[in-house]
Amino acid sequence: MGWDHDPQPFGKVGYSEEVNCVLNDKVMLITGASRGIGRATALLAAANHAKIIVNYRSSDRAAEDLVDLIRQDGGDAIAIQ
């Protein structure tokens, strides 16, 4: 089974008017957000104007890198362990 289009790499997530209506200025606590699916979820939510709390267990550098990436794109994020 193939993709209808090429999947976008992390950091290349899109804005959606429909999602933005729901997430605009909402605060999201995302557990496991420093890697994998949690990271992708955080990036997508931030691209749609949610404020992100990056929760991590041990990957403090990865969590801070994600916060920096979100902030560079004009989003609002913090990391907590």
PDB file of N, CA and C in Angstrom:
ATOM      1  N   MET A   1       0.853  -1.176   0.000  1.00  0.00           N
ATOM      2  CA  MET A   1       0.000   0.000   0.000  1.00  0.00           C
ATOM      3  C   MET A   1       0.895   1.234   0.000  1.00  0.00           C
ATOM      4  N   GLY A   2       0.706   2.117  -0.945  1.00  0.00           N
ATOM      5  CA  GLY A   2       1.553   3.299  -1.063  1.00  0.00           C
ATOM      6  C   GLY A   2       0.844   4.568  -0.640  1.00  0.00           C
ATOM      7  N   TRP A   3       1.640   5.605  -0.507  1.00  0.00           N
ATOM      8  CA  TRP A   3       1.109   6.921  -0.162  1.00  0.00           C
ATOM      9  C   TRP A   3       0.564   7.591  -1.417  1.00  0.00           C
ATOM     10  N   ASP A   4      -0.502   8.350  -1.248  1.00  0.00           N
ATOM     11  CA  ASP A   4      -1.014   9.154  -2.358  1.00  0.00           C
ATOM     12  C   ASP A   4      -0.105  10.349  -2.606  1.00  0.00           C
ATOM     13  N   HIS A   5       0.647  10.726  -1.583  1.00  0.00           N
ATOM     14  CA  HIS A   5       1.594  11.833  -1.667  1.00  0.00           C
ATOM     15  C   HIS A   5       2.759  11.526  -0.731  1.00  0.00           C
ATOM     16  N   ASP A   6       3.826  12.255  -0.868  1.00  0.00           N
ATOM     17  CA  ASP A   6       4.971  12.052   0.018  1.00  0.00           C
ATOM     18  C   ASP A   6       4.658  12.612   1.396  1.00  0.00           C
ATOM     19  N   PRO A   7       4.855  11.833   2.471  1.00  0.00           N
ATOM     20  CA  PRO A   7       4.641  12.373   3.806  1.00  0.00           C
ATOM     21  C   PRO A   7       5.666  13.460   4.103  1.00  0.00           C
ATOM     22  N   GLN A   8       5.265  14.438   4.871  1.00  0.00           N
ATOM     23  CA  GLN A   8       6.171  15.534   5.206  1.00  0.00           C
ATOM     24  C   GLN A   8       7.025  15.150   6.402  1.00  0.00           C
ATOM     25  N   PRO A   9       8.289  15.537   6.420  1.00  0.00           N
ATOM     26  CA  PRO A   9       9.149  15.241   7.568  1.00  0.00           C
ATOM     27  C   PRO A   9       8.748  16.093   8.771  1.00  0.00           C
ATOM     28  N   PHE A  10       9.220  15.690   9.958  1.00  0.00           N
ATOM     29  CA  PHE A  10       8.956  16.482  11.157  1.00  0.00           C
ATOM     30  C   PHE A  10       9.397  17.914  10.934  1.00  0.00           C
ATOM     31  N   GLY A  11       8.655  18.837  11.474  1.00  0.00           N
ATOM     32  CA  GLY A  11       8.987  20.246  11.322  1.00  0.00           C
ATOM     33  C   GLY A  11       8.348  20.859  10.085  1.00  0.00           C
ATOM     34  N   LYS A  12       7.725  20.064   9.249  1.00  0.00           N
ATOM     35  CA  LYS A  12       7.079  20.544   8.026  1.00  0.00           C
ATOM     36  C   LYS A  12       5.594  20.211   8.085  1.00  0.00           C
ATOM     37  N   VAL A  13       4.946  20.606   9.169  1.00  0.00           N
ATOM     38  CA  VAL A  13       3.522  20.312   9.324  1.00  0.00           C
ATOM     39  C   VAL A  13       2.707  21.498   8.880  1.00  0.00           C
ATOM     40  N   GLY A  14       1.475  21.248   8.532  1.00  0.00           N
ATOM     41  CA  GLY A  14       0.668  22.285   7.922  1.00  0.00           C
ATOM     42  C   GLY A  14      -0.357  22.917   8.829  1.00  0.00           C
ATOM     43  N   TYR A  15      -0.781  24.077   8.406  1.00  0.00           N
ATOM     44  CA  TYR A  15      -1.828  24.839   9.055  1.00  0.00           C
ATOM     45  C   TYR A  15      -3.156  24.417   8.448  1.00  0.00           C
ATOM     46  N   SER A  16      -4.174  24.295   9.256  1.00  0.00           N
ATOM     47  CA  SER A  16      -5.504  23.948   8.777  1.00  0.00           C
ATOM     48  C   SER A  16      -6.522  24.886   9.419  1.00  0.00           C
ATOM     49  N   GLU A  17      -7.328  25.563   8.628  1.00  0.00           N
ATOM     50  CA  GLU A  17      -8.336  26.467   9.183  1.00  0.00           C
ATOM     51  C   GLU A  17      -9.297  25.724  10.100  1.00  0.00           C
ATOM     52  N   GLU A  18      -9.680  24.508   9.734  1.00  0.00           N
ATOM     53  CA  GLU A  18     -10.611  23.741  10.554  1.00  0.00           C
ATOM     54  C   GLU A  18     -10.006  23.392  11.912  1.00  0.00           C
ATOM     55  N   VAL A  19      -8.764  22.944  11.912  1.00  0.00           N
ATOM     56  CA  VAL A  19      -8.099  22.605  13.165  1.00  0.00           C
ATOM     57  C   VAL A  19      -7.819  23.864  13.961  1.00  0.00           C
ATOM     58  N   ASN A  20      -7.415  24.949  13.298  1.00  0.00           N
ATOM     59  CA  ASN A  20      -7.106  26.190  13.977  1.00  0.00           C
ATOM     60  C   ASN A  20      -8.305  26.705  14.767  1.00  0.00           C
ATOM     61  N   CYS A  21      -9.509  26.558  14.239  1.00  0.00           N
ATOM     62  CA  CYS A  21     -10.704  27.013  14.953  1.00  0.00           C
ATOM     63  C   CYS A  21     -10.829  26.317  16.299  1.00  0.00           C
ATOM     64  N   VAL A  22     -10.416  25.062  16.367  1.00  0.00           N
ATOM     65  CA  VAL A  22     -10.524  24.291  17.593  1.00  0.00           C
ATOM     66  C   VAL A  22      -9.336  24.560  18.527  1.00  0.00           C
ATOM     67  N   LEU A  23      -8.135  24.705  17.977  1.00  0.00           N
ATOM     68  CA  LEU A  23      -6.922  24.792  18.795  1.00  0.00           C
ATOM     69  C   LEU A  23      -6.445  26.214  19.089  1.00  0.00           C
ATOM     70  N   ASN A  24      -6.952  27.202  18.411  1.00  0.00           N
ATOM     71  CA  ASN A  24      -6.471  28.573  18.565  1.00  0.00           C
ATOM     72  C   ASN A  24      -6.464  28.995  20.035  1.00  0.00           C
ATOM     73  N   ASP A  25      -5.272  29.273  20.544  1.00  0.00           N
ATOM     74  CA  ASP A  25      -5.039  29.728  21.918  1.00  0.00           C
ATOM     75  C   ASP A  25      -5.404  28.716  23.002  1.00  0.00           C
ATOM     76  N   LYS A  26      -5.603  27.460  22.642  1.00  0.00           N
ATOM     77  CA  LYS A  26      -5.807  26.407  23.643  1.00  0.00           C
ATOM     78  C   LYS A  26      -4.439  25.978  24.153  1.00  0.00           C
ATOM     79  N   VAL A  27      -4.390  25.479  25.376  1.00  0.00           N
ATOM     80  CA  VAL A  27      -3.158  24.957  25.953  1.00  0.00           C
ATOM     81  C   VAL A  27      -3.217  23.441  25.893  1.00  0.00           C
ATOM     82  N   MET A  28      -2.171  22.843  25.320  1.00  0.00           N
ATOM     83  CA  MET A  28      -2.107  21.388  25.203  1.00  0.00           C
ATOM     84  C   MET A  28      -0.898  20.851  25.965  1.00  0.00           C
ATOM     85  N   LEU A  29      -1.153  19.910  26.863  1.00  0.00           N
ATOM     86  CA  LEU A  29      -0.085  19.179  27.539  1.00  0.00           C
ATOM     87  C   LEU A  29       0.095  17.880  26.765  1.00  0.00           C
ATOM     88  N   ILE A  30       1.263  17.709  26.164  1.00  0.00           N
ATOM     89  CA  ILE A  30       1.522  16.533  25.338  1.00  0.00           C
ATOM     90  C   ILE A  30       2.612  15.714  26.003  1.00  0.00           C
ATOM     91  N   THR A  31       2.242  14.527  26.472  1.00  0.00           N
ATOM     92  CA  THR A  31       3.214  13.655  27.122  1.00  0.00           C
ATOM     93  C   THR A  31       4.042  12.950  26.051  1.00  0.00           C
ATOM     94  N   GLY A  32       5.304  12.737  26.357  1.00  0.00           N
ATOM     95  CA  GLY A  32       6.198  12.108  25.391  1.00  0.00           C
ATOM     96  C   GLY A  32       6.429  12.968  24.168  1.00  0.00           C
ATOM     97  N   ALA A  33       6.353  14.272  24.341  1.00  0.00           N
ATOM     98  CA  ALA A  33       6.392  15.192  23.201  1.00  0.00           C
ATOM     99  C   ALA A  33       7.786  15.441  22.643  1.00  0.00           C
ATOM    100  N   SER A  34       8.816  14.964  23.298  1.00  0.00           N
ATOM    101  CA  SER A  34      10.165  15.263  22.791  1.00  0.00           C
ATOM    102  C   SER A  34      10.555  14.391  21.604  1.00  0.00           C
ATOM    103  N   ARG A  35       9.813  13.283  21.366  1.00  0.00           N
ATOM    104  CA  ARG A  35      10.183  12.371  20.282  1.00  0.00           C
ATOM    105  C   ARG A  35       8.949  11.754  19.629  1.00  0.00           C
ATOM    106  N   GLY A  36       9.130  11.230  18.445  1.00  0.00           N
ATOM    107  CA  GLY A  36       8.139  10.401  17.779  1.00  0.00           C
ATOM    108  C   GLY A  36       6.781  11.051  17.546  1.00  0.00           C
ATOM    109  N   ILE A  37       5.733  10.277  17.860  1.00  0.00           N
ATOM    110  CA  ILE A  37       4.369  10.741  17.633  1.00  0.00           C
ATOM    111  C   ILE A  37       4.056  11.968  18.480  1.00  0.00           C
ATOM    112  N   GLY A  38       4.563  12.021  19.704  1.00  0.00           N
ATOM    113  CA  GLY A  38       4.334  13.182  20.563  1.00  0.00           C
ATOM    114  C   GLY A  38       4.917  14.447  19.964  1.00  0.00           C
ATOM    115  N   ARG A  39       6.117  14.329  19.400  1.00  0.00           N
ATOM    116  CA  ARG A  39       6.756  15.477  18.743  1.00  0.00           C
ATOM    117  C   ARG A  39       5.934  15.946  17.542  1.00  0.00           C
ATOM    118  N   ALA A  40       5.499  14.998  16.714  1.00  0.00           N
ATOM    119  CA  ALA A  40       4.697  15.339  15.539  1.00  0.00           C
ATOM    120  C   ALA A  40       3.386  16.004  15.952  1.00  0.00           C
ATOM    121  N   THR A  41       2.774  15.496  17.011  1.00  0.00           N
ATOM    122  CA  THR A  41       1.527  16.077  17.520  1.00  0.00           C
ATOM    123  C   THR A  41       1.757  17.499  18.009  1.00  0.00           C
ATOM    124  N   ALA A  42       2.852  17.711  18.724  1.00  0.00           N
ATOM    125  CA  ALA A  42       3.165  19.045  19.235  1.00  0.00           C
ATOM    126  C   ALA A  42       3.396  20.033  18.094  1.00  0.00           C
ATOM    127  N   LEU A  43       4.113  19.606  17.070  1.00  0.00           N
ATOM    128  CA  LEU A  43       4.375  20.489  15.934  1.00  0.00           C
ATOM    129  C   LEU A  43       3.091  20.836  15.178  1.00  0.00           C
ATOM    130  N   LEU A  44       2.237  19.855  14.984  1.00  0.00           N
ATOM    131  CA  LEU A  44       0.978  20.095  14.286  1.00  0.00           C
ATOM    132  C   LEU A  44       0.081  21.032  15.092  1.00  0.00           C
ATOM    133  N   ALA A  45      -0.013  20.804  16.388  1.00  0.00           N
ATOM    134  CA  ALA A  45      -0.838  21.657  17.242  1.00  0.00           C
ATOM    135  C   ALA A  45      -0.283  23.079  17.279  1.00  0.00           C
ATOM    136  N   ALA A  46       1.039  23.220  17.375  1.00  0.00           N
ATOM    137  CA  ALA A  46       1.652  24.550  17.401  1.00  0.00           C
ATOM    138  C   ALA A  46       1.434  25.279  16.080  1.00  0.00           C
ATOM    139  N   ALA A  47       1.494  24.548  14.960  1.00  0.00           N
ATOM    140  CA  ALA A  47       1.253  25.158  13.651  1.00  0.00           C
ATOM    141  C   ALA A  47      -0.167  25.687  13.543  1.00  0.00           C
ATOM    142  N   ASN A  48      -1.053  25.161  14.386  1.00  0.00           N
ATOM    143  CA  ASN A  48      -2.445  25.587  14.396  1.00  0.00           C
ATOM    144  C   ASN A  48      -2.769  26.426  15.628  1.00  0.00           C
ATOM    145  N   HIS A  49      -1.737  27.084  16.163  1.00  0.00           N
ATOM    146  CA  HIS A  49      -1.840  28.122  17.185  1.00  0.00           C
ATOM    147  C   HIS A  49      -2.224  27.656  18.580  1.00  0.00           C
ATOM    148  N   ALA A  50      -1.981  26.387  18.901  1.00  0.00           N
ATOM    149  CA  ALA A  50      -2.146  25.936  20.276  1.00  0.00           C
ATOM    150  C   ALA A  50      -0.877  26.297  21.046  1.00  0.00           C
ATOM    151  N   LYS A  51      -1.024  26.525  22.337  1.00  0.00           N
ATOM    152  CA  LYS A  51       0.119  26.736  23.219  1.00  0.00           C
ATOM    153  C   LYS A  51       0.504  25.361  23.758  1.00  0.00           C
ATOM    154  N   ILE A  52       1.790  25.022  23.660  1.00  0.00           N
ATOM    155  CA  ILE A  52       2.233  23.647  23.902  1.00  0.00           C
ATOM    156  C   ILE A  52       3.049  23.527  25.185  1.00  0.00           C
ATOM    157  N   ILE A  53       2.692  22.517  25.984  1.00  0.00           N
ATOM    158  CA  ILE A  53       3.513  22.099  27.117  1.00  0.00           C
ATOM    159  C   ILE A  53       4.138  20.772  26.711  1.00  0.00           C
ATOM    160  N   VAL A  54       5.449  20.781  26.524  1.00  0.00           N
ATOM    161  CA  VAL A  54       6.196  19.590  26.126  1.00  0.00           C
ATOM    162  C   VAL A  54       6.587  18.842  27.394  1.00  0.00           C
ATOM    163  N   ASN A  55       5.967  17.690  27.613  1.00  0.00           N
ATOM    164  CA  ASN A  55       6.278  16.869  28.771  1.00  0.00           C
ATOM    165  C   ASN A  55       7.222  15.756  28.330  1.00  0.00           C
ATOM    166  N   TYR A  56       8.280  15.539  29.109  1.00  0.00           N
ATOM    167  CA  TYR A  56       9.270  14.517  28.754  1.00  0.00           C
ATOM    168  C   TYR A  56       9.726  13.789  30.001  1.00  0.00           C
ATOM    169  N   ARG A  57      10.253  12.581  29.809  1.00  0.00           N
ATOM    170  CA  ARG A  57      10.755  11.798  30.937  1.00  0.00           C
ATOM    171  C   ARG A  57      12.253  11.984  31.114  1.00  0.00           C
ATOM    172  N   SER A  58      13.013  11.792  30.014  1.00  0.00           N
ATOM    173  CA  SER A  58      14.469  11.847  30.156  1.00  0.00           C
ATOM    174  C   SER A  58      15.171  12.587  29.023  1.00  0.00           C
ATOM    175  N   SER A  59      14.486  12.904  27.958  1.00  0.00           N
ATOM    176  CA  SER A  59      15.117  13.537  26.791  1.00  0.00           C
ATOM    177  C   SER A  59      15.052  15.060  26.899  1.00  0.00           C
ATOM    178  N   ASP A  60      15.762  15.607  27.890  1.00  0.00           N
ATOM    179  CA  ASP A  60      15.667  17.051  28.124  1.00  0.00           C
ATOM    180  C   ASP A  60      16.184  17.871  26.950  1.00  0.00           C
ATOM    181  N   ARG A  61      17.257  17.432  26.304  1.00  0.00           N
ATOM    182  CA  ARG A  61      17.792  18.180  25.160  1.00  0.00           C
ATOM    183  C   ARG A  61      16.809  18.168  23.993  1.00  0.00           C
ATOM    184  N   ALA A  62      16.207  17.018  23.716  1.00  0.00           N
ATOM    185  CA  ALA A  62      15.227  16.916  22.634  1.00  0.00           C
ATOM    186  C   ALA A  62      13.996  17.775  22.930  1.00  0.00           C
ATOM    187  N   ALA A  63      13.590  17.817  24.191  1.00  0.00           N
ATOM    188  CA  ALA A  63      12.430  18.635  24.578  1.00  0.00           C
ATOM    189  C   ALA A  63      12.731  20.114  24.382  1.00  0.00           C
ATOM    190  N   GLU A  64      13.908  20.552  24.802  1.00  0.00           N
ATOM    191  CA  GLU A  64      14.281  21.963  24.636  1.00  0.00           C
ATOM    192  C   GLU A  64      14.437  22.318  23.157  1.00  0.00           C
ATOM    193  N   ASP A  65      14.967  21.395  22.368  1.00  0.00           N
ATOM    194  CA  ASP A  65      15.073  21.632  20.918  1.00  0.00           C
ATOM    195  C   ASP A  65      13.691  21.821  20.295  1.00  0.00           C
ATOM    196  N   LEU A  66      12.721  21.024  20.726  1.00  0.00           N
ATOM    197  CA  LEU A  66      11.357  21.154  20.210  1.00  0.00           C
ATOM    198  C   LEU A  66      10.745  22.488  20.620  1.00  0.00           C
ATOM    199  N   VAL A  67      10.934  22.882  21.861  1.00  0.00           N
ATOM    200  CA  VAL A  67      10.432  24.184  22.329  1.00  0.00           C
ATOM    201  C   VAL A  67      11.046  25.302  21.492  1.00  0.00           C
ATOM    202  N   ASP A  68      12.343  25.231  21.262  1.00  0.00           N
ATOM    203  CA  ASP A  68      13.017  26.247  20.447  1.00  0.00           C
ATOM    204  C   ASP A  68      12.450  26.292  19.034  1.00  0.00           C
ATOM    205  N   LEU A  69      12.208  25.126  18.439  1.00  0.00           N
ATOM    206  CA  LEU A  69      11.658  25.054  17.085  1.00  0.00           C
ATOM    207  C   LEU A  69      10.268  25.689  17.022  1.00  0.00           C
ATOM    208  N   ILE A  70       9.434  25.375  17.989  1.00  0.00           N
ATOM    209  CA  ILE A  70       8.082  25.948  18.032  1.00  0.00           C
ATOM    210  C   ILE A  70       8.155  27.463  18.191  1.00  0.00           C
ATOM    211  N   ARG A  71       9.025  27.928  19.070  1.00  0.00           N
ATOM    212  CA  ARG A  71       9.151  29.380  19.292  1.00  0.00           C
ATOM    213  C   ARG A  71       9.714  30.090  18.065  1.00  0.00           C
ATOM    214  N   GLN A  72      10.657  29.468  17.359  1.00  0.00           N
ATOM    215  CA  GLN A  72      11.214  30.070  16.137  1.00  0.00           C
ATOM    216  C   GLN A  72      10.144  30.270  15.077  1.00  0.00           C
ATOM    217  N   ASP A  73       9.140  29.404  15.079  1.00  0.00           N
ATOM    218  CA  ASP A  73       8.041  29.518  14.118  1.00  0.00           C
ATOM    219  C   ASP A  73       6.927  30.418  14.632  1.00  0.00           C
ATOM    220  N   GLY A  74       7.172  31.116  15.756  1.00  0.00           N
ATOM    221  CA  GLY A  74       6.196  32.071  16.282  1.00  0.00           C
ATOM    222  C   GLY A  74       5.213  31.481  17.269  1.00  0.00           C
ATOM    223  N   GLY A  75       5.431  30.207  17.658  1.00  0.00           N
ATOM    224  CA  GLY A  75       4.527  29.562  18.601  1.00  0.00           C
ATOM    225  C   GLY A  75       4.925  29.796  20.049  1.00  0.00           C
ATOM    226  N   ASP A  76       4.131  29.257  20.949  1.00  0.00           N
ATOM    227  CA  ASP A  76       4.358  29.402  22.376  1.00  0.00           C
ATOM    228  C   ASP A  76       4.483  28.009  22.976  1.00  0.00           C
ATOM    229  N   ALA A  77       5.607  27.722  23.651  1.00  0.00           N
ATOM    230  CA  ALA A  77       5.827  26.400  24.208  1.00  0.00           C
ATOM    231  C   ALA A  77       6.763  26.458  25.400  1.00  0.00           C
ATOM    232  N   ILE A  78       6.588  25.508  26.304  1.00  0.00           N
ATOM    233  CA  ILE A  78       7.508  25.300  27.437  1.00  0.00           C
ATOM    234  C   ILE A  78       7.725  23.802  27.580  1.00  0.00           C
ATOM    235  N   ALA A  79       8.796  23.419  28.274  1.00  0.00           N
ATOM    236  CA  ALA A  79       9.079  22.007  28.539  1.00  0.00           C
ATOM    237  C   ALA A  79       9.035  21.765  30.040  1.00  0.00           C
ATOM    238  N   ILE A  80       8.408  20.662  30.441  1.00  0.00           N
ATOM    239  CA  ILE A  80       8.399  20.254  31.844  1.00  0.00           C
ATOM    240  C   ILE A  80       8.688  18.769  31.936  1.00  0.00           C
ATOM    241  N   GLN A  81       9.316  18.376  33.042  1.00  0.00           N
ATOM    242  CA  GLN A  81       9.632  16.953  33.224  1.00  0.00           C
ATOM    243  C   GLN A  81       8.676  16.352  34.215  1.00  0.00           C
TER     244      GLN A  81
END
